[in-house]
């Protein structure tokens, strides 16, 4: 085999490897962005879960007050 052919083949291999390296870097950057997005969404979800829990506690409190008031109204009407 001629040296120029061998050198040409090595250059082709080198170009393909450089292309693969660029693809890997691009995928790593995309992966990093997706991980950051997942973290942000997890944080938002936690905030919403906490707000929902607070709402449920407030709702239960209001319902218990209403039940108490209805009970008192029932006592008044019975007398």
PDB file of N, CA and C in Angstrom:
ATOM      1  N   UNK A   1       0.844  -1.180   0.000  1.00  0.00           N
ATOM      2  CA  UNK A   1       0.000   0.000   0.000  1.00  0.00           C
ATOM      3  C   UNK A   1       0.887   1.240   0.000  1.00  0.00           C
ATOM      4  N   UNK A   2       0.418   2.215  -0.686  1.00  0.00           N
ATOM      5  CA  UNK A   2       1.159   3.475  -0.813  1.00  0.00           C
ATOM      6  C   UNK A   2       0.989   4.292   0.471  1.00  0.00           C
ATOM      7  N   UNK A   3       2.041   5.008   0.846  1.00  0.00           N
ATOM      8  CA  UNK A   3       2.000   5.836   2.068  1.00  0.00           C
ATOM      9  C   UNK A   3       0.924   6.911   1.994  1.00  0.00           C
ATOM     10  N   UNK A   4       0.674   7.464   0.837  1.00  0.00           N
ATOM     11  CA  UNK A   4      -0.350   8.504   0.703  1.00  0.00           C
ATOM     12  C   UNK A   4      -1.735   7.938   0.980  1.00  0.00           C
ATOM     13  N   UNK A   5      -1.968   6.692   0.568  1.00  0.00           N
ATOM     14  CA  UNK A   5      -3.259   6.047   0.832  1.00  0.00           C
ATOM     15  C   UNK A   5      -3.425   5.831   2.327  1.00  0.00           C
ATOM     16  N   UNK A   6      -2.379   5.366   2.967  1.00  0.00           N
ATOM     17  CA  UNK A   6      -2.426   5.132   4.415  1.00  0.00           C
ATOM     18  C   UNK A   6      -2.655   6.449   5.151  1.00  0.00           C
ATOM     19  N   UNK A   7      -1.947   7.502   4.762  1.00  0.00           N
ATOM     20  CA  UNK A   7      -2.115   8.812   5.387  1.00  0.00           C
ATOM     21  C   UNK A   7      -3.529   9.322   5.167  1.00  0.00           C
ATOM     22  N   UNK A   8      -4.060   9.114   3.980  1.00  0.00           N
ATOM     23  CA  UNK A   8      -5.427   9.550   3.671  1.00  0.00           C
ATOM     24  C   UNK A   8      -6.440   8.796   4.543  1.00  0.00           C
ATOM     25  N   UNK A   9      -6.227   7.511   4.724  1.00  0.00           N
ATOM     26  CA  UNK A   9      -7.128   6.717   5.554  1.00  0.00           C
ATOM     27  C   UNK A   9      -7.065   7.182   7.021  1.00  0.00           C
ATOM     28  N   UNK A  10      -5.858   7.475   7.508  1.00  0.00           N
ATOM     29  CA  UNK A  10      -5.723   7.989   8.872  1.00  0.00           C
ATOM     30  C   UNK A  10      -6.422   9.343   9.016  1.00  0.00           C
ATOM     31  N   UNK A  11      -6.336  10.180   8.003  1.00  0.00           N
ATOM     32  CA  UNK A  11      -7.017  11.483   8.048  1.00  0.00           C
ATOM     33  C   UNK A  11      -8.524  11.297   8.086  1.00  0.00           C
ATOM     34  N   UNK A  12      -9.038  10.338   7.316  1.00  0.00           N
ATOM     35  CA  UNK A  12     -10.475  10.057   7.340  1.00  0.00           C
ATOM     36  C   UNK A  12     -10.900   9.560   8.723  1.00  0.00           C
ATOM     37  N   UNK A  13     -10.102   8.668   9.292  1.00  0.00           N
ATOM     38  CA  UNK A  13     -10.399   8.158  10.630  1.00  0.00           C
ATOM     39  C   UNK A  13     -10.354   9.300  11.640  1.00  0.00           C
ATOM     40  N   UNK A  14      -9.349  10.143  11.530  1.00  0.00           N
ATOM     41  CA  UNK A  14      -9.217  11.284  12.442  1.00  0.00           C
ATOM     42  C   UNK A  14     -10.415  12.212  12.328  1.00  0.00           C
ATOM     43  N   UNK A  15     -10.876  12.483  11.103  1.00  0.00           N
ATOM     44  CA  UNK A  15     -12.044  13.344  10.891  1.00  0.00           C
ATOM     45  C   UNK A  15     -13.298  12.729  11.508  1.00  0.00           C
ATOM     46  N   UNK A  16     -13.451  11.418  11.332  1.00  0.00           N
ATOM     47  CA  UNK A  16     -14.622  10.748  11.910  1.00  0.00           C
ATOM     48  C   UNK A  16     -14.577  10.782  13.440  1.00  0.00           C
ATOM     49  N   UNK A  17     -13.384  10.581  14.001  1.00  0.00           N
ATOM     50  CA  UNK A  17     -13.246  10.622  15.456  1.00  0.00           C
ATOM     51  C   UNK A  17     -13.540  12.025  15.975  1.00  0.00           C
ATOM     52  N   UNK A  18     -13.055  13.049  15.286  1.00  0.00           N
ATOM     53  CA  UNK A  18     -13.346  14.434  15.689  1.00  0.00           C
ATOM     54  C   UNK A  18     -14.847  14.707  15.623  1.00  0.00           C
ATOM     55  N   UNK A  19     -15.496  14.174  14.589  1.00  0.00           N
ATOM     56  CA  UNK A  19     -16.952  14.319  14.500  1.00  0.00           C
ATOM     57  C   UNK A  19     -17.651  13.649  15.664  1.00  0.00           C
ATOM     58  N   UNK A  20     -17.197  12.446  16.020  1.00  0.00           N
ATOM     59  CA  UNK A  20     -17.786  11.729  17.155  1.00  0.00           C
ATOM     60  C   UNK A  20     -17.566  12.484  18.461  1.00  0.00           C
ATOM     61  N   UNK A  21     -16.392  13.073  18.610  1.00  0.00           N
ATOM     62  CA  UNK A  21     -16.105  13.857  19.814  1.00  0.00           C
ATOM     63  C   UNK A  21     -17.057  15.046  19.905  1.00  0.00           C
ATOM     64  N   UNK A  22     -17.306  15.698  18.776  1.00  0.00           N
ATOM     65  CA  UNK A  22     -18.232  16.833  18.768  1.00  0.00           C
ATOM     66  C   UNK A  22     -19.649  16.385  19.124  1.00  0.00           C
ATOM     67  N   UNK A  23     -20.052  15.236  18.595  1.00  0.00           N
ATOM     68  CA  UNK A  23     -21.384  14.706  18.918  1.00  0.00           C
ATOM     69  C   UNK A  23     -21.470  14.398  20.413  1.00  0.00           C
ATOM     70  N   UNK A  24     -20.413  13.799  20.959  1.00  0.00           N
ATOM     71  CA  UNK A  24     -20.399  13.481  22.400  1.00  0.00           C
ATOM     72  C   UNK A  24     -20.488  14.752  23.241  1.00  0.00           C
ATOM     73  N   UNK A  25     -19.741  15.784  22.849  1.00  0.00           N
ATOM     74  CA  UNK A  25     -19.794  17.051  23.586  1.00  0.00           C
ATOM     75  C   UNK A  25     -21.188  17.662  23.509  1.00  0.00           C
ATOM     76  N   UNK A  26     -21.770  17.592  22.321  1.00  0.00           N
ATOM     77  CA  UNK A  26     -23.118  18.141  22.141  1.00  0.00           C
ATOM     78  C   UNK A  26     -24.132  17.382  23.002  1.00  0.00           C
ATOM     79  N   UNK A  27     -24.023  16.069  23.027  1.00  0.00           N
ATOM     80  CA  UNK A  27     -24.933  15.252  23.828  1.00  0.00           C
ATOM     81  C   UNK A  27     -24.729  15.500  25.316  1.00  0.00           C
ATOM     82  N   UNK A  28     -23.484  15.692  25.713  1.00  0.00           N
ATOM     83  CA  UNK A  28     -23.202  15.972  27.120  1.00  0.00           C
ATOM     84  C   UNK A  28     -23.803  17.311  27.529  1.00  0.00           C
ATOM     85  N   UNK A  29     -23.717  18.301  26.644  1.00  0.00           N
ATOM     86  CA  UNK A  29     -24.307  19.613  26.947  1.00  0.00           C
ATOM     87  C   UNK A  29     -25.825  19.503  27.031  1.00  0.00           C
ATOM     88  N   UNK A  30     -26.417  18.772  26.094  1.00  0.00           N
ATOM     89  CA  UNK A  30     -27.873  18.593  26.108  1.00  0.00           C
ATOM     90  C   UNK A  30     -28.297  17.847  27.368  1.00  0.00           C
ATOM     91  N   UNK A  31     -27.530  16.842  27.756  1.00  0.00           N
ATOM     92  CA  UNK A  31     -27.820  16.073  28.964  1.00  0.00           C
ATOM     93  C   UNK A  31     -27.766  16.961  30.197  1.00  0.00           C
ATOM     94  N   UNK A  32     -26.778  17.812  30.248  1.00  0.00           N
ATOM     95  CA  UNK A  32     -26.631  18.736  31.373  1.00  0.00           C
ATOM     96  C   UNK A  32     -27.826  19.684  31.459  1.00  0.00           C
ATOM     97  N   UNK A  33     -28.247  20.206  30.312  1.00  0.00           N
ATOM     98  CA  UNK A  33     -29.414  21.100  30.283  1.00  0.00           C
ATOM     99  C   UNK A  33     -30.661  20.369  30.762  1.00  0.00           C
ATOM    100  N   UNK A  34     -30.825  19.125  30.329  1.00  0.00           N
ATOM    101  CA  UNK A  34     -32.000  18.357  30.742  1.00  0.00           C
ATOM    102  C   UNK A  34     -31.980  18.065  32.240  1.00  0.00           C
ATOM    103  N   UNK A  35     -30.797  17.788  32.785  1.00  0.00           N
ATOM    104  CA  UNK A  35     -30.700  17.556  34.234  1.00  0.00           C
ATOM    105  C   UNK A  35     -31.075  18.816  35.003  1.00  0.00           C
ATOM    106  N   UNK A  36     -30.633  19.980  34.518  1.00  0.00           N
ATOM    107  CA  UNK A  36     -30.988  21.241  35.172  1.00  0.00           C
ATOM    108  C   UNK A  36     -32.494  21.467  35.095  1.00  0.00           C
ATOM    109  N   UNK A  37     -33.085  21.151  33.943  1.00  0.00           N
ATOM    110  CA  UNK A  37     -34.533  21.316  33.785  1.00  0.00           C
ATOM    111  C   UNK A  37     -35.284  20.388  34.738  1.00  0.00           C
ATOM    112  N   UNK A  38     -34.813  19.164  34.877  1.00  0.00           N
ATOM    113  CA  UNK A  38     -35.438  18.211  35.803  1.00  0.00           C
ATOM    114  C   UNK A  38     -35.367  18.746  37.224  1.00  0.00           C
ATOM    115  N   UNK A  39     -34.214  19.285  37.603  1.00  0.00           N
ATOM    116  CA  UNK A  39     -34.070  19.846  38.958  1.00  0.00           C
ATOM    117  C   UNK A  39     -35.029  21.000  39.181  1.00  0.00           C
ATOM    118  N   UNK A  40     -35.150  21.900  38.184  1.00  0.00           N
ATOM    119  CA  UNK A  40     -36.084  23.031  38.306  1.00  0.00           C
ATOM    120  C   UNK A  40     -37.517  22.537  38.438  1.00  0.00           C
ATOM    121  N   UNK A  41     -37.878  21.556  37.609  1.00  0.00           N
ATOM    122  CA  UNK A  41     -39.244  21.029  37.661  1.00  0.00           C
ATOM    123  C   UNK A  41     -39.518  20.321  38.992  1.00  0.00           C
ATOM    124  N   UNK A  42     -38.519  19.616  39.505  1.00  0.00           N
ATOM    125  CA  UNK A  42     -38.675  18.976  40.828  1.00  0.00           C
ATOM    126  C   UNK A  42     -38.917  20.023  41.909  1.00  0.00           C
ATOM    127  N   UNK A  43     -38.160  21.119  41.849  1.00  0.00           N
ATOM    128  CA  UNK A  43     -38.342  22.186  42.832  1.00  0.00           C
ATOM    129  C   UNK A  43     -39.736  22.801  42.713  1.00  0.00           C
ATOM    130  N   UNK A  44     -40.175  23.052  41.479  1.00  0.00           N
ATOM    131  CA  UNK A  44     -41.517  23.610  41.275  1.00  0.00           C
ATOM    132  C   UNK A  44     -42.583  22.651  41.791  1.00  0.00           C
ATOM    133  N   UNK A  45     -42.383  21.366  41.545  1.00  0.00           N
ATOM    134  CA  UNK A  45     -43.341  20.361  42.008  1.00  0.00           C
ATOM    135  C   UNK A  45     -43.419  20.349  43.531  1.00  0.00           C
ATOM    136  N   UNK A  46     -42.281  20.445  44.193  1.00  0.00           N
ATOM    137  CA  UNK A  46     -42.271  20.454  45.653  1.00  0.00           C
ATOM    138  C   UNK A  46     -43.018  21.669  46.200  1.00  0.00           C
ATOM    139  N   UNK A  47     -42.823  22.819  45.562  1.00  0.00           N
ATOM    140  CA  UNK A  47     -43.532  24.029  45.992  1.00  0.00           C
ATOM    141  C   UNK A  47     -45.036  23.828  45.840  1.00  0.00           C
ATOM    142  N   UNK A  48     -45.446  23.233  44.727  1.00  0.00           N
ATOM    143  CA  UNK A  48     -46.874  23.018  44.489  1.00  0.00           C
ATOM    144  C   UNK A  48     -47.441  21.981  45.450  1.00  0.00           C
ATOM    145  N   UNK A  49     -46.681  20.966  45.758  1.00  0.00           N
ATOM    146  CA  UNK A  49     -47.144  19.954  46.715  1.00  0.00           C
ATOM    147  C   UNK A  49     -47.321  20.585  48.092  1.00  0.00           C
ATOM    148  N   UNK A  50     -46.366  21.415  48.495  1.00  0.00           N
ATOM    149  CA  UNK A  50     -46.479  22.096  49.786  1.00  0.00           C
ATOM    150  C   UNK A  50     -47.698  23.012  49.817  1.00  0.00           C
ATOM    151  N   UNK A  51     -47.928  23.745  48.723  1.00  0.00           N
ATOM    152  CA  UNK A  51     -49.090  24.632  48.659  1.00  0.00           C
ATOM    153  C   UNK A  51     -50.381  23.819  48.727  1.00  0.00           C
ATOM    154  N   UNK A  52     -50.401  22.678  48.058  1.00  0.00           N
ATOM    155  CA  UNK A  52     -51.585  21.820  48.088  1.00  0.00           C
ATOM    156  C   UNK A  52     -51.828  21.278  49.496  1.00  0.00           C
ATOM    157  N   UNK A  53     -50.764  20.913  50.187  1.00  0.00           N
ATOM    158  CA  UNK A  53     -50.908  20.420  51.570  1.00  0.00           C
ATOM    159  C   UNK A  53     -51.443  21.515  52.489  1.00  0.00           C
ATOM    160  N   UNK A  54     -50.939  22.728  52.319  1.00  0.00           N
ATOM    161  CA  UNK A  54     -51.429  23.858  53.117  1.00  0.00           C
ATOM    162  C   UNK A  54     -52.907  24.095  52.825  1.00  0.00           C
ATOM    163  N   UNK A  55     -53.265  24.062  51.541  1.00  0.00           N
ATOM    164  CA  UNK A  55     -54.668  24.261  51.160  1.00  0.00           C
ATOM    165  C   UNK A  55     -55.551  23.183  51.794  1.00  0.00           C
ATOM    166  N   UNK A  56     -55.099  21.929  51.758  1.00  0.00           N
ATOM    167  CA  UNK A  56     -55.896  20.836  52.320  1.00  0.00           C
ATOM    168  C   UNK A  56     -56.091  21.026  53.827  1.00  0.00           C
ATOM    169  N   UNK A  57     -55.040  21.467  54.523  1.00  0.00           N
ATOM    170  CA  UNK A  57     -55.161  21.717  55.967  1.00  0.00           C
ATOM    171  C   UNK A  57     -56.131  22.858  56.244  1.00  0.00           C
ATOM    172  N   UNK A  58     -56.037  23.918  55.437  1.00  0.00           N
ATOM    173  CA  UNK A  58     -56.960  25.047  55.623  1.00  0.00           C
ATOM    174  C   UNK A  58     -58.392  24.622  55.346  1.00  0.00           C
ATOM    175  N   UNK A  59     -58.579  23.825  54.299  1.00  0.00           N
ATOM    176  CA  UNK A  59     -59.925  23.342  53.954  1.00  0.00           C
ATOM    177  C   UNK A  59     -60.482  22.499  55.087  1.00  0.00           C
ATOM    178  N   UNK A  60     -59.661  21.591  55.620  1.00  0.00           N
ATOM    179  CA  UNK A  60     -60.122  20.754  56.729  1.00  0.00           C
ATOM    180  C   UNK A  60     -60.473  21.593  57.952  1.00  0.00           C
ATOM    181  N   UNK A  61     -59.673  22.640  58.211  1.00  0.00           N
ATOM    182  CA  UNK A  61     -59.937  23.529  59.337  1.00  0.00           C
ATOM    183  C   UNK A  61     -61.272  24.244  59.152  1.00  0.00           C
ATOM    184  N   UNK A  62     -61.489  24.774  57.952  1.00  0.00           N
ATOM    185  CA  UNK A  62     -62.738  25.490  57.665  1.00  0.00           C
ATOM    186  C   UNK A  62     -63.925  24.536  57.787  1.00  0.00           C
ATOM    187  N   UNK A  63     -63.784  23.328  57.249  1.00  0.00           N
ATOM    188  CA  UNK A  63     -64.882  22.356  57.339  1.00  0.00           C
ATOM    189  C   UNK A  63     -65.189  21.999  58.788  1.00  0.00           C
ATOM    190  N   UNK A  64     -64.153  21.879  59.616  1.00  0.00           N
ATOM    191  CA  UNK A  64     -64.406  21.557  61.028  1.00  0.00           C
ATOM    192  C   UNK A  64     -65.106  22.727  61.721  1.00  0.00           C
ATOM    193  N   UNK A  65     -64.737  23.960  61.378  1.00  0.00           N
ATOM    194  CA  UNK A  65     -65.413  25.130  61.953  1.00  0.00           C
ATOM    195  C   UNK A  65     -66.878  25.167  61.526  1.00  0.00           C
ATOM    196  N   UNK A  66     -67.119  24.876  60.252  1.00  0.00           N
ATOM    197  CA  UNK A  66     -68.497  24.865  59.744  1.00  0.00           C
ATOM    198  C   UNK A  66     -69.305  23.792  60.464  1.00  0.00           C
ATOM    199  N   UNK A  67     -68.716  22.612  60.614  1.00  0.00           N
ATOM    200  CA  UNK A  67     -69.421  21.542  61.337  1.00  0.00           C
ATOM    201  C   UNK A  67     -69.732  21.964  62.769  1.00  0.00           C
ATOM    202  N   UNK A  68     -68.768  22.641  63.408  1.00  0.00           N
ATOM    203  CA  UNK A  68     -68.992  23.117  64.778  1.00  0.00           C
ATOM    204  C   UNK A  68     -70.116  24.133  64.829  1.00  0.00           C
ATOM    205  N   UNK A  69     -70.114  25.070  63.877  1.00  0.00           N
ATOM    206  CA  UNK A  69     -71.178  26.079  63.841  1.00  0.00           C
ATOM    207  C   UNK A  69     -72.531  25.453  63.549  1.00  0.00           C
ATOM    208  N   UNK A  70     -72.566  24.486  62.640  1.00  0.00           N
ATOM    209  CA  UNK A  70     -73.825  23.799  62.345  1.00  0.00           C
ATOM    210  C   UNK A  70     -74.329  23.044  63.572  1.00  0.00           C
ATOM    211  N   UNK A  71     -73.393  22.470  64.314  1.00  0.00           N
ATOM    212  CA  UNK A  71     -73.779  21.784  65.551  1.00  0.00           C
ATOM    213  C   UNK A  71     -74.380  22.745  66.545  1.00  0.00           C
ATOM    214  N   UNK A  72     -73.791  23.929  66.696  1.00  0.00           N
ATOM    215  CA  UNK A  72     -74.328  24.932  67.602  1.00  0.00           C
ATOM    216  C   UNK A  72     -75.692  25.417  67.138  1.00  0.00           C
ATOM    217  N   UNK A  73     -75.846  25.599  65.821  1.00  0.00           N
ATOM    218  CA  UNK A  73     -77.143  26.020  65.275  1.00  0.00           C
ATOM    219  C   UNK A  73     -78.186  24.944  65.557  1.00  0.00           C
ATOM    220  N   UNK A  74     -77.782  23.689  65.444  1.00  0.00           N
ATOM    221  CA  UNK A  74     -78.708  22.584  65.739  1.00  0.00           C
ATOM    222  C   UNK A  74     -79.131  22.605  67.191  1.00  0.00           C
ATOM    223  N   UNK A  75     -78.214  22.928  68.072  1.00  0.00           N
ATOM    224  CA  UNK A  75     -78.559  23.006  69.503  1.00  0.00           C
ATOM    225  C   UNK A  75     -79.535  24.149  69.760  1.00  0.00           C
ATOM    226  N   UNK A  76     -79.330  25.256  69.076  1.00  0.00           N
ATOM    227  CA  UNK A  76     -80.214  26.429  69.287  1.00  0.00           C
ATOM    228  C   UNK A  76     -81.613  26.120  68.799  1.00  0.00           C
ATOM    229  N   UNK A  77     -81.709  25.478  67.638  1.00  0.00           N
ATOM    230  CA  UNK A  77     -83.032  25.209  67.084  1.00  0.00           C
ATOM    231  C   UNK A  77     -83.771  24.119  67.855  1.00  0.00           C
ATOM    232  N   UNK A  78     -83.046  23.282  68.573  1.00  0.00           N
ATOM    233  CA  UNK A  78     -83.677  22.219  69.342  1.00  0.00           C
ATOM    234  C   UNK A  78     -84.278  22.739  70.632  1.00  0.00           C
ATOM    235  N   UNK A  79     -83.807  23.874  71.098  1.00  0.00           N
ATOM    236  CA  UNK A  79     -84.314  24.367  72.379  1.00  0.00           C
ATOM    237  C   UNK A  79     -85.489  25.251  72.253  1.00  0.00           C
TER     238      UNK A  79
END
